[in-house]
Protein backbone atom coordinates (compact mmCIF):
# COMPACT_ATOMS: atom_id res chain seq x y z
CA UNK A 1 11.99 -31.40 -17.12
CA UNK A 2 13.00 -29.56 -20.45
CA UNK A 3 9.41 -28.23 -20.68
CA UNK A 4 9.97 -26.81 -16.44
CA UNK A 5 13.38 -25.18 -17.53
CA UNK A 6 11.98 -23.66 -20.26
CA UNK A 7 8.80 -22.47 -18.65
CA UNK A 8 11.08 -20.95 -16.06
CA UNK A 9 13.56 -19.17 -18.07
CA UNK A 10 10.46 -17.66 -20.00
CA UNK A 11 9.05 -16.63 -16.49
CA UNK A 12 12.50 -15.00 -15.31
CA UNK A 13 12.69 -12.95 -18.75
CA UNK A 14 9.19 -12.08 -18.54
CA UNK A 15 10.28 -10.87 -14.62
CA UNK A 16 13.01 -9.07 -16.36
CA UNK A 17 11.13 -7.21 -18.64
CA UNK A 18 8.70 -5.87 -16.65
CA UNK A 19 11.47 -4.50 -14.11
CA UNK A 20 13.72 -2.79 -16.88
CA UNK A 21 10.07 -1.28 -17.79
CA UNK A 22 9.62 -0.22 -14.03
CA UNK A 23 13.07 1.09 -13.51
CA UNK A 24 14.00 2.67 -16.63
CA UNK A 25 11.63 5.62 -16.12
CA UNK A 26 13.16 6.04 -12.95
CA UNK A 27 16.75 5.47 -14.21
CA UNK A 28 16.17 8.39 -17.31
CA UNK A 29 14.78 10.92 -14.89
CA UNK A 30 17.90 10.72 -11.99
CA UNK A 31 20.03 10.72 -15.27
CA UNK A 32 18.48 13.83 -16.98
CA UNK A 33 19.03 15.81 -13.40
CA UNK A 34 22.70 15.10 -13.25
CA UNK A 35 23.10 15.87 -17.27
CA UNK A 36 24.29 19.46 -18.82
CA UNK A 37 22.00 20.99 -20.68
CA UNK A 38 23.72 20.57 -23.44
CA UNK A 39 23.54 16.65 -23.41
CA UNK A 40 19.87 16.85 -22.17
CA UNK A 41 18.97 18.87 -25.71
CA UNK A 42 21.38 16.79 -27.55
CA UNK A 43 20.14 14.83 -31.13
CA UNK A 44 21.36 11.67 -29.86
CA UNK A 45 20.64 10.83 -26.46
CA UNK A 46 23.05 9.11 -23.86
CA UNK A 47 21.96 6.30 -21.62
CA UNK A 48 25.04 6.08 -19.90
CA UNK A 49 26.15 9.40 -17.43
CA UNK A 50 29.32 10.98 -19.07
CA UNK A 51 29.33 14.76 -17.85
CA UNK A 52 28.07 15.35 -14.57
CA UNK A 53 26.48 18.39 -12.94
CA UNK A 54 24.52 19.53 -10.16
CA UNK A 55 23.47 22.78 -11.32
CA UNK A 56 19.90 21.47 -12.10
CA UNK A 57 19.59 20.59 -8.58
CA UNK A 58 20.42 24.03 -7.24
CA UNK A 59 18.35 25.60 -9.83
CA UNK A 60 15.02 23.17 -8.38
CA UNK A 61 16.05 24.31 -4.50
CA UNK A 62 16.22 27.40 -5.00
CA UNK A 63 13.42 27.64 -7.41
CA UNK A 64 10.41 29.86 -6.17
CA UNK A 65 8.09 28.05 -3.59
CA UNK A 66 10.18 24.54 -3.31
CA UNK A 67 10.69 24.31 0.33
CA UNK A 68 7.01 26.06 0.93
CA UNK A 69 5.24 23.10 -1.22
CA UNK A 70 7.73 20.37 0.19
CA UNK A 71 6.70 21.74 3.77
CA UNK A 72 2.93 21.60 2.45
CA UNK A 73 3.30 17.73 1.04
CA UNK A 74 4.75 16.74 3.98
CA UNK A 75 2.33 18.21 6.92
CA UNK A 76 -0.23 17.11 4.50
CA UNK A 77 1.10 13.38 4.21
CA UNK A 78 2.20 13.17 7.43
CA UNK A 79 -1.04 14.54 9.45
CA UNK A 80 -3.24 12.23 7.49
CA UNK A 81 -1.23 8.84 7.83
CA UNK A 82 -1.29 9.78 11.51
CA UNK A 83 -5.02 10.02 11.49
CA UNK A 84 -5.35 7.19 9.90
CA UNK A 85 -3.68 5.20 12.36
CA UNK A 86 -5.04 6.34 15.05
CA UNK A 87 -8.80 5.60 13.72
CA UNK A 88 -8.12 2.51 11.93
CA UNK A 89 -6.24 0.91 15.15
CA UNK A 90 -9.63 1.55 17.31
CA UNK A 91 -11.28 0.16 14.47
CA UNK A 92 -9.69 -2.52 13.82
CA UNK A 93 -10.00 -3.76 17.43
CA UNK A 94 -13.49 -3.36 17.63
CA UNK A 95 -14.07 -5.42 13.92
CA UNK A 96 -11.53 -8.00 15.09
CA UNK A 97 -11.97 -8.51 18.60
CA UNK A 98 -15.50 -7.20 19.72
CA UNK A 99 -18.92 -8.80 18.79
CA UNK A 100 -21.61 -6.17 18.07
CA UNK A 101 -24.68 -5.71 15.49
CA UNK A 102 -23.78 -4.51 12.33
CA UNK A 103 -20.20 -5.56 12.52
CA UNK A 104 -20.30 -7.63 9.35
CA UNK A 105 -21.86 -4.96 7.48
CA UNK A 106 -19.34 -2.49 8.68
CA UNK A 107 -16.46 -4.90 7.12
CA UNK A 108 -18.33 -5.16 3.93
CA UNK A 109 -18.66 -1.25 3.84
CA UNK A 110 -15.06 -1.09 4.41
CA UNK A 111 -13.90 -3.01 1.51
CA UNK A 112 -16.65 -1.37 -0.89
CA UNK A 113 -14.82 1.86 0.63
CA UNK A 114 -11.30 -0.19 -0.44
CA UNK A 115 -12.37 -1.01 -3.86
CA UNK A 116 -13.94 2.78 -4.88
CA UNK A 117 -11.66 4.14 -7.50
CA UNK A 118 -10.28 7.70 -6.71
CA UNK A 119 -11.55 9.24 -9.89
CA UNK A 120 -15.18 8.38 -8.94
CA UNK A 121 -14.63 10.29 -5.72
CA UNK A 122 -13.06 13.58 -7.66
CA UNK A 123 -16.75 15.54 -8.57
CA UNK A 124 -18.10 14.69 -4.94
CA UNK A 125 -15.17 15.99 -3.07
CA UNK A 126 -15.39 18.93 -5.14
CA UNK A 127 -18.79 19.78 -4.16
CA UNK A 128 -18.20 19.13 -0.65
CA UNK A 129 -15.33 21.06 -0.11
CA UNK A 130 -17.06 24.07 -2.04
CA UNK A 131 -20.35 23.88 -0.09
CA UNK A 132 -18.38 23.81 3.36
CA UNK A 133 -16.30 26.78 2.08
CA UNK A 134 -12.80 24.75 2.44
CA UNK A 135 -11.72 24.85 -1.41
CA UNK A 136 -7.89 25.91 -1.47
CA UNK A 137 -7.20 24.56 1.91
CA UNK A 138 -4.76 22.30 3.21
CA UNK A 139 -7.34 20.49 5.86
CA UNK A 140 -9.63 19.60 3.00
CA UNK A 141 -6.95 17.68 1.43
CA UNK A 142 -5.51 16.18 4.82
CA UNK A 143 -9.37 15.18 5.55
CA UNK A 144 -9.30 13.80 1.78
CA UNK A 145 -6.21 11.61 2.11
CA UNK A 146 -6.99 10.31 5.30
CA UNK A 147 -10.32 9.18 4.21
CA UNK A 148 -8.32 7.30 1.27
CA UNK A 149 -5.95 5.55 2.92
CA UNK A 150 -8.15 4.55 5.94
CA UNK A 151 -10.06 1.37 4.48
CA UNK A 152 -7.03 -0.26 3.57
CA UNK A 153 -5.64 0.90 6.80
CA UNK A 154 -8.40 -0.86 8.62
CA UNK A 155 -8.42 -3.92 6.73
CA UNK A 156 -4.48 -4.78 6.71
CA UNK A 157 -4.73 -3.96 11.09
CA UNK A 158 -7.40 -6.29 11.01
CA UNK A 159 -5.58 -8.87 9.64
CA UNK A 160 -2.59 -8.15 11.70
CA UNK A 161 -5.03 -8.41 14.95
CA UNK A 162 -6.84 -11.68 14.11
CA UNK A 163 -3.07 -13.42 13.77
CA UNK A 164 -2.34 -11.87 17.45
CA UNK A 165 -3.73 -14.73 19.87
CA UNK A 166 -6.40 -13.58 21.99
CA UNK A 167 -4.83 -15.53 25.06
CA UNK A 168 -2.49 -12.65 25.35
CA UNK A 169 -5.06 -10.17 26.16
CA UNK A 170 -7.20 -12.62 28.40
CA UNK A 171 -3.57 -13.21 30.45
CA UNK A 172 -3.26 -9.70 30.74
CA UNK A 173 -6.94 -8.87 31.84
CA UNK A 174 -6.35 -11.93 34.69
CA UNK A 175 -3.40 -10.04 36.05
CA UNK A 176 -5.42 -7.28 36.25
CA UNK A 177 -5.59 -5.03 33.57
CA UNK A 178 -8.87 -3.88 31.94
CA UNK A 179 -9.46 -4.34 28.02
CA UNK A 180 -7.85 -0.91 27.12
CA UNK A 181 -4.42 -1.58 29.04
CA UNK A 182 -4.19 -4.71 27.51
CA UNK A 183 -4.49 -3.66 24.08
CA UNK A 184 -1.72 -0.75 24.89
CA UNK A 185 0.77 -2.83 26.44
CA UNK A 186 0.05 -6.04 24.78
CA UNK A 187 -1.41 -5.71 21.09
CA UNK A 188 -0.18 -2.71 19.97
CA UNK A 189 3.33 -3.49 20.66
CA UNK A 190 3.13 -6.59 18.15
CA UNK A 191 1.27 -4.22 16.06
CA UNK A 192 4.53 -2.19 15.10
CA UNK A 193 5.32 -4.12 11.51
CA UNK A 194 1.37 -3.83 10.33
CA UNK A 195 1.61 0.35 11.41
CA UNK A 196 4.42 0.28 10.11
CA UNK A 197 3.33 -1.28 6.30
CA UNK A 198 0.28 0.67 6.56
CA UNK A 199 1.79 3.55 7.22
CA UNK A 200 4.01 3.53 4.54
CA UNK A 201 1.46 2.84 2.21
CA UNK A 202 -0.48 6.04 3.69
CA UNK A 203 2.64 8.18 2.98
CA UNK A 204 3.28 6.87 -0.40
CA UNK A 205 -0.17 7.79 -1.61
CA UNK A 206 -0.72 11.21 -0.03
CA UNK A 207 3.15 12.32 -1.04
CA UNK A 208 2.74 11.34 -4.62
CA UNK A 209 -1.24 12.42 -5.26
CA UNK A 210 -2.19 14.43 -7.85
CA UNK A 211 -5.81 14.85 -8.68
CA UNK A 212 -7.32 16.04 -5.80
CA UNK A 213 -4.50 18.41 -4.88
CA UNK A 214 -4.61 19.96 -8.78
CA UNK A 215 -8.78 20.27 -7.80
CA UNK A 216 -9.17 21.47 -4.65
CA UNK A 217 -5.93 23.82 -4.43
CA UNK A 218 -6.45 26.09 -7.97
CA UNK A 219 -6.46 29.22 -6.44
CA UNK A 220 -4.26 29.73 -3.32
CA UNK A 221 -0.69 29.18 -5.07
CA UNK A 222 1.00 28.68 -1.54
CA UNK A 223 -1.40 25.78 -0.45
CA UNK A 224 -0.13 24.13 -3.41
CA UNK A 225 1.93 20.52 -3.08
CA UNK A 226 5.07 19.25 -4.64
CA UNK A 227 3.12 17.02 -7.14
CA UNK A 228 1.07 20.54 -8.36
CA UNK A 229 4.02 22.59 -8.28
CA UNK A 230 5.96 20.01 -10.53
CA UNK A 231 3.73 19.85 -12.79
CA UNK A 232 3.81 23.73 -13.83
CA UNK A 233 7.51 24.06 -13.34
CA UNK A 234 8.84 26.14 -16.13
CA UNK A 235 10.33 29.60 -16.45
CA UNK A 236 9.68 32.08 -19.78
CA UNK A 237 11.92 30.26 -21.81
CA UNK A 238 9.85 26.91 -21.59
CA UNK A 239 10.66 23.81 -19.29
CA UNK A 240 13.96 23.18 -17.77
CA UNK A 241 13.70 19.30 -17.85
CA UNK A 242 17.02 19.03 -16.02
CA UNK A 243 15.68 21.40 -13.42
CA UNK A 244 12.71 19.37 -13.52
CA UNK A 245 13.92 15.92 -13.10
CA UNK A 246 16.06 17.27 -10.42
CA UNK A 247 13.04 18.32 -8.16
CA UNK A 248 11.53 15.13 -9.13
CA UNK A 249 14.38 13.06 -8.34
CA UNK A 250 14.52 15.39 -4.59
CA UNK A 251 10.44 14.61 -4.62
CA UNK A 252 11.26 10.50 -5.05
CA UNK A 253 13.80 11.03 -2.10
CA UNK A 254 12.27 10.80 1.17
CA UNK A 255 9.72 7.92 0.28
CA UNK A 256 12.72 5.97 -1.23
CA UNK A 257 14.79 6.56 2.47
CA UNK A 258 11.87 5.77 4.33
CA UNK A 259 11.13 2.53 2.35
CA UNK A 260 14.77 1.44 1.95
CA UNK A 261 15.11 1.85 6.07
CA UNK A 262 11.70 0.03 6.94
CA UNK A 263 11.83 -2.93 4.07
CA UNK A 264 12.18 -5.55 5.93
CA UNK A 265 9.50 -5.21 8.49
CA UNK A 266 6.93 -3.48 5.84
CA UNK A 267 7.47 -6.88 4.02
CA UNK A 268 6.66 -8.63 6.79
CA UNK A 269 3.68 -6.59 7.78
CA UNK A 270 1.95 -6.63 4.41
CA UNK A 271 2.54 -10.11 4.30
CA UNK A 272 1.50 -11.49 7.90
CA UNK A 273 -1.82 -8.84 7.42
CA UNK A 274 -2.81 -10.66 4.18
CA UNK A 275 -2.65 -14.20 5.61
CA UNK A 276 -5.52 -13.89 8.09
CA UNK A 277 -8.98 -11.79 7.06
């Protein structure tokens, strides 16, 4: 019993260290956003809130381009997620329910695409955007995010579809539904947890992405997204760390709120989608 208790204590301590290392940067960002400038620049840092101010949030919100770039990020992220869900639903259904030549090869290609690091695609995507005259356009960035999130969405929804008994569709077809009607009325509602989990993953990916946006949107300032704007957020006197941290906190809020609302469904969706595949 003693070795088991010692091992459990060690694992708990290790878990606490990992959690602290993960949460502390976020805590420091939020804390800095509420600190007065004099406290931020103090030689001795304060790890607890003393004087609270909302001035930095006003500076961030009133900065040139904040709402424009916020709109750009939301437009790109939401559009990419919706496109990925539509295409992935059809592709996952074809893979999970139908028998056709090349199905195994297609699944293998999807897994390879999912495992490919994004950094390896930067130069090819830049060349494609340049040759098709799509540089500095949000349309190209939306297509890239759609392509990046599509493999994960297909794999997850395929696992979900395999967990849904095919007898439900067969019963619906006996009652007079064709294959598409059975999918729309029976299968699609049961995919709700999987759709939520994959859409949240895709939204977080597109919302936080920096490398592609920084590479492909480099001329037209009105086509920036929030991560690119945050990287260059400064004034004539240097970087305003309070306003920068306030802008980063506001940038984090949409994803945090969506995750808190959908947390239960997302957790069950990821688990169920990973069980069968």
